[in-house]
Each structure stands twice: as structure tokens, then as C-alpha cells.
Amino acid sequence: MIRNAKIYLLMLALVLTAGAILAGCSDNAPPAEYQIEFVTNGASQKETLTVTDGATLDIGANPTRAGWFFAG
């Protein structure tokens, strides 16, 4: 009977340990953020945009400048 109690206690300890390990494996970290810097007008103007990982980014209209052709 004492042997059975030891086995049950050992199994309970193993289950609790496994539960604690699995509970610590959850991924509750906030998503990464990235900063994108737009340099315009010969670097005289800068705009910084912060984007969260997985989010979509609206970059607006295509760039324009007199006498220049932007391809891509």
C-alpha cells in the first residue's frame, strides 16, 4: 500500500512538473515593431513610420519629381 502511494505521488509530481513546463511555453510576447524611415527631397525631409509585425502598410502614392523616372 505504501508502494502504491509512492507511485501515485511520483506520477502526480510528474504531471504537475509537465504542466508547469507547458504553461511557461506560451507565447504572450507582443509582436515586433519596425521603424521605416522615408528620406525625401535630397534628405532634407524625413518621415518615420512604425509598423507592427504582420500589419499591412499603406505607402501612399508613387513618388514624383520633375525630370525623374521612378521604376519600382
N, C-alpha and C. Protein backbone atom coordinates (compact mmCIF):
# COMPACT_ATOMS: atom_id res chain seq x y z
N MET A 1 0.82 -1.18 0.00
CA MET A 1 0.00 0.00 0.00
C MET A 1 0.87 1.26 0.00
N ILE A 2 1.96 1.25 0.74
CA ILE A 2 2.87 2.38 0.76
C ILE A 2 3.53 2.53 -0.60
N ARG A 3 3.82 1.41 -1.24
CA ARG A 3 4.43 1.45 -2.57
C ARG A 3 3.49 2.12 -3.56
N ASN A 4 2.19 1.79 -3.50
CA ASN A 4 1.22 2.41 -4.39
C ASN A 4 1.13 3.91 -4.14
N ALA A 5 1.17 4.33 -2.90
CA ALA A 5 1.11 5.76 -2.56
C ALA A 5 2.33 6.48 -3.12
N LYS A 6 3.50 5.86 -3.06
CA LYS A 6 4.71 6.47 -3.61
C LYS A 6 4.60 6.61 -5.13
N ILE A 7 4.04 5.61 -5.77
CA ILE A 7 3.87 5.66 -7.23
C ILE A 7 2.90 6.77 -7.60
N TYR A 8 1.79 6.88 -6.86
CA TYR A 8 0.82 7.95 -7.14
C TYR A 8 1.43 9.32 -6.92
N LEU A 9 2.21 9.48 -5.86
CA LEU A 9 2.86 10.77 -5.59
C LEU A 9 3.88 11.10 -6.67
N LEU A 10 4.61 10.11 -7.13
CA LEU A 10 5.58 10.32 -8.19
C LEU A 10 4.86 10.72 -9.49
N MET A 11 3.76 10.05 -9.81
CA MET A 11 3.00 10.40 -11.01
C MET A 11 2.41 11.81 -10.90
N LEU A 12 1.91 12.17 -9.72
CA LEU A 12 1.37 13.50 -9.50
C LEU A 12 2.46 14.55 -9.67
N ALA A 13 3.63 14.28 -9.15
CA ALA A 13 4.74 15.22 -9.28
C ALA A 13 5.14 15.38 -10.75
N LEU A 14 5.15 14.30 -11.50
CA LEU A 14 5.49 14.36 -12.93
C LEU A 14 4.45 15.16 -13.70
N VAL A 15 3.17 14.94 -13.41
CA VAL A 15 2.11 15.67 -14.11
C VAL A 15 2.18 17.16 -13.78
N LEU A 16 2.39 17.51 -12.53
CA LEU A 16 2.50 18.92 -12.14
C LEU A 16 3.72 19.58 -12.76
N THR A 17 4.82 18.87 -12.83
CA THR A 17 6.03 19.41 -13.44
C THR A 17 5.81 19.63 -14.94
N ALA A 18 5.21 18.67 -15.60
CA ALA A 18 4.93 18.82 -17.03
C ALA A 18 3.98 19.99 -17.27
N GLY A 19 2.97 20.14 -16.43
CA GLY A 19 2.04 21.26 -16.55
C GLY A 19 2.73 22.60 -16.37
N ALA A 20 3.64 22.69 -15.41
CA ALA A 20 4.37 23.93 -15.18
C ALA A 20 5.27 24.26 -16.37
N ILE A 21 5.90 23.26 -16.93
CA ILE A 21 6.77 23.48 -18.09
C ILE A 21 5.95 23.94 -19.29
N LEU A 22 4.82 23.29 -19.53
CA LEU A 22 3.98 23.67 -20.67
C LEU A 22 3.37 25.05 -20.47
N ALA A 23 3.04 25.42 -19.26
CA ALA A 23 2.47 26.74 -19.00
C ALA A 23 3.50 27.82 -19.27
N GLY A 24 4.76 27.54 -19.06
CA GLY A 24 5.82 28.51 -19.32
C GLY A 24 6.17 28.64 -20.78
N CYS A 25 5.63 27.78 -21.63
CA CYS A 25 5.94 27.82 -23.05
C CYS A 25 4.99 28.69 -23.86
N SER A 26 4.02 29.31 -23.24
CA SER A 26 3.06 30.11 -24.01
C SER A 26 3.77 31.34 -24.58
N ASP A 27 3.33 31.76 -25.77
CA ASP A 27 3.96 32.88 -26.46
C ASP A 27 3.08 34.12 -26.30
N ASN A 28 3.26 34.83 -25.20
CA ASN A 28 2.48 36.03 -24.93
C ASN A 28 3.28 37.29 -25.21
N ALA A 29 4.38 37.16 -25.90
CA ALA A 29 5.22 38.33 -26.20
C ALA A 29 4.50 39.23 -27.20
N PRO A 30 4.63 40.53 -27.04
CA PRO A 30 4.00 41.43 -28.01
C PRO A 30 4.68 41.30 -29.37
N PRO A 31 3.95 41.56 -30.46
CA PRO A 31 4.56 41.46 -31.78
C PRO A 31 5.67 42.50 -31.96
N ALA A 32 6.63 42.15 -32.77
CA ALA A 32 7.76 43.05 -33.02
C ALA A 32 7.30 44.30 -33.77
N GLU A 33 7.98 45.40 -33.53
CA GLU A 33 7.69 46.63 -34.25
C GLU A 33 8.93 47.05 -35.02
N TYR A 34 8.71 47.61 -36.21
CA TYR A 34 9.79 48.05 -37.07
C TYR A 34 9.58 49.52 -37.41
N GLN A 35 10.67 50.25 -37.48
CA GLN A 35 10.60 51.65 -37.88
C GLN A 35 11.14 51.78 -39.29
N ILE A 36 10.34 52.43 -40.13
CA ILE A 36 10.72 52.66 -41.52
C ILE A 36 10.90 54.16 -41.69
N GLU A 37 12.03 54.54 -42.25
CA GLU A 37 12.31 55.97 -42.44
C GLU A 37 12.28 56.29 -43.92
N PHE A 38 11.43 57.25 -44.28
CA PHE A 38 11.33 57.72 -45.64
C PHE A 38 12.15 59.01 -45.75
N VAL A 39 13.16 58.99 -46.60
CA VAL A 39 14.00 60.16 -46.81
C VAL A 39 13.62 60.76 -48.15
N THR A 40 13.21 62.03 -48.13
CA THR A 40 12.74 62.66 -49.35
C THR A 40 13.45 63.98 -49.58
N ASN A 41 13.32 64.47 -50.78
CA ASN A 41 13.82 65.79 -51.16
C ASN A 41 15.31 65.94 -50.84
N GLY A 42 16.10 65.00 -51.28
CA GLY A 42 17.54 65.09 -51.06
C GLY A 42 17.93 65.00 -49.59
N ALA A 43 17.18 64.26 -48.80
CA ALA A 43 17.41 64.04 -47.37
C ALA A 43 17.12 65.28 -46.52
N SER A 44 16.48 66.28 -47.11
CA SER A 44 16.14 67.45 -46.30
C SER A 44 14.85 67.21 -45.51
N GLN A 45 14.08 66.19 -45.89
CA GLN A 45 12.86 65.85 -45.18
C GLN A 45 12.88 64.36 -44.84
N LYS A 46 12.51 64.04 -43.61
CA LYS A 46 12.45 62.65 -43.19
C LYS A 46 11.12 62.39 -42.51
N GLU A 47 10.58 61.22 -42.76
CA GLU A 47 9.35 60.79 -42.11
C GLU A 47 9.57 59.38 -41.60
N THR A 48 9.27 59.15 -40.33
CA THR A 48 9.44 57.83 -39.74
C THR A 48 8.07 57.22 -39.49
N LEU A 49 7.94 55.94 -39.83
CA LEU A 49 6.69 55.22 -39.67
C LEU A 49 6.98 53.95 -38.87
N THR A 50 6.19 53.69 -37.83
CA THR A 50 6.35 52.48 -37.03
C THR A 50 5.29 51.48 -37.47
N VAL A 51 5.74 50.26 -37.79
CA VAL A 51 4.85 49.21 -38.30
C VAL A 51 4.98 47.99 -37.39
N THR A 52 3.83 47.43 -37.01
CA THR A 52 3.81 46.22 -36.20
C THR A 52 3.93 45.00 -37.10
N ASP A 53 4.67 43.99 -36.65
CA ASP A 53 4.88 42.77 -37.42
C ASP A 53 3.54 42.15 -37.79
N GLY A 54 3.35 41.86 -39.07
CA GLY A 54 2.13 41.25 -39.56
C GLY A 54 1.09 42.24 -40.04
N ALA A 55 1.30 43.53 -39.77
CA ALA A 55 0.34 44.55 -40.20
C ALA A 55 0.58 44.91 -41.66
N THR A 56 -0.45 45.43 -42.30
CA THR A 56 -0.29 45.89 -43.67
C THR A 56 0.16 47.34 -43.66
N LEU A 57 0.83 47.73 -44.69
CA LEU A 57 1.42 49.06 -44.76
C LEU A 57 0.90 49.76 -46.01
N ASP A 58 0.32 50.93 -45.82
CA ASP A 58 -0.13 51.76 -46.93
C ASP A 58 0.95 52.81 -47.19
N ILE A 59 1.67 52.66 -48.30
CA ILE A 59 2.77 53.57 -48.57
C ILE A 59 2.35 54.80 -49.34
N GLY A 60 1.07 54.88 -49.70
CA GLY A 60 0.59 56.08 -50.37
C GLY A 60 0.89 56.08 -51.85
N ALA A 61 0.92 57.30 -52.42
CA ALA A 61 1.12 57.45 -53.86
C ALA A 61 2.57 57.20 -54.25
N ASN A 62 2.77 56.87 -55.51
CA ASN A 62 4.13 56.70 -56.02
C ASN A 62 4.87 58.03 -55.98
N PRO A 63 6.18 57.99 -55.80
CA PRO A 63 6.95 59.24 -55.72
C PRO A 63 7.00 59.95 -57.08
N THR A 64 7.09 61.24 -57.01
CA THR A 64 7.22 62.05 -58.23
C THR A 64 8.28 63.12 -58.01
N ARG A 65 8.95 63.47 -59.10
CA ARG A 65 9.93 64.57 -59.08
C ARG A 65 10.17 64.97 -60.53
N ALA A 66 10.15 66.24 -60.77
CA ALA A 66 10.32 66.73 -62.13
C ALA A 66 11.66 66.28 -62.71
N GLY A 67 11.60 65.70 -63.91
CA GLY A 67 12.82 65.25 -64.57
C GLY A 67 13.30 63.88 -64.15
N TRP A 68 12.57 63.21 -63.29
CA TRP A 68 12.98 61.89 -62.79
C TRP A 68 11.94 60.87 -63.15
N PHE A 69 12.39 59.59 -63.30
CA PHE A 69 11.51 58.47 -63.57
C PHE A 69 11.74 57.42 -62.49
N PHE A 70 10.72 57.05 -61.76
CA PHE A 70 10.84 56.06 -60.69
C PHE A 70 10.25 54.74 -61.18
N ALA A 71 11.06 53.70 -61.20
CA ALA A 71 10.63 52.41 -61.74
C ALA A 71 10.74 51.34 -60.66
N GLY A 72 9.87 51.35 -59.73
CA GLY A 72 9.85 50.23 -58.81
C GLY A 72 10.05 50.57 -57.42
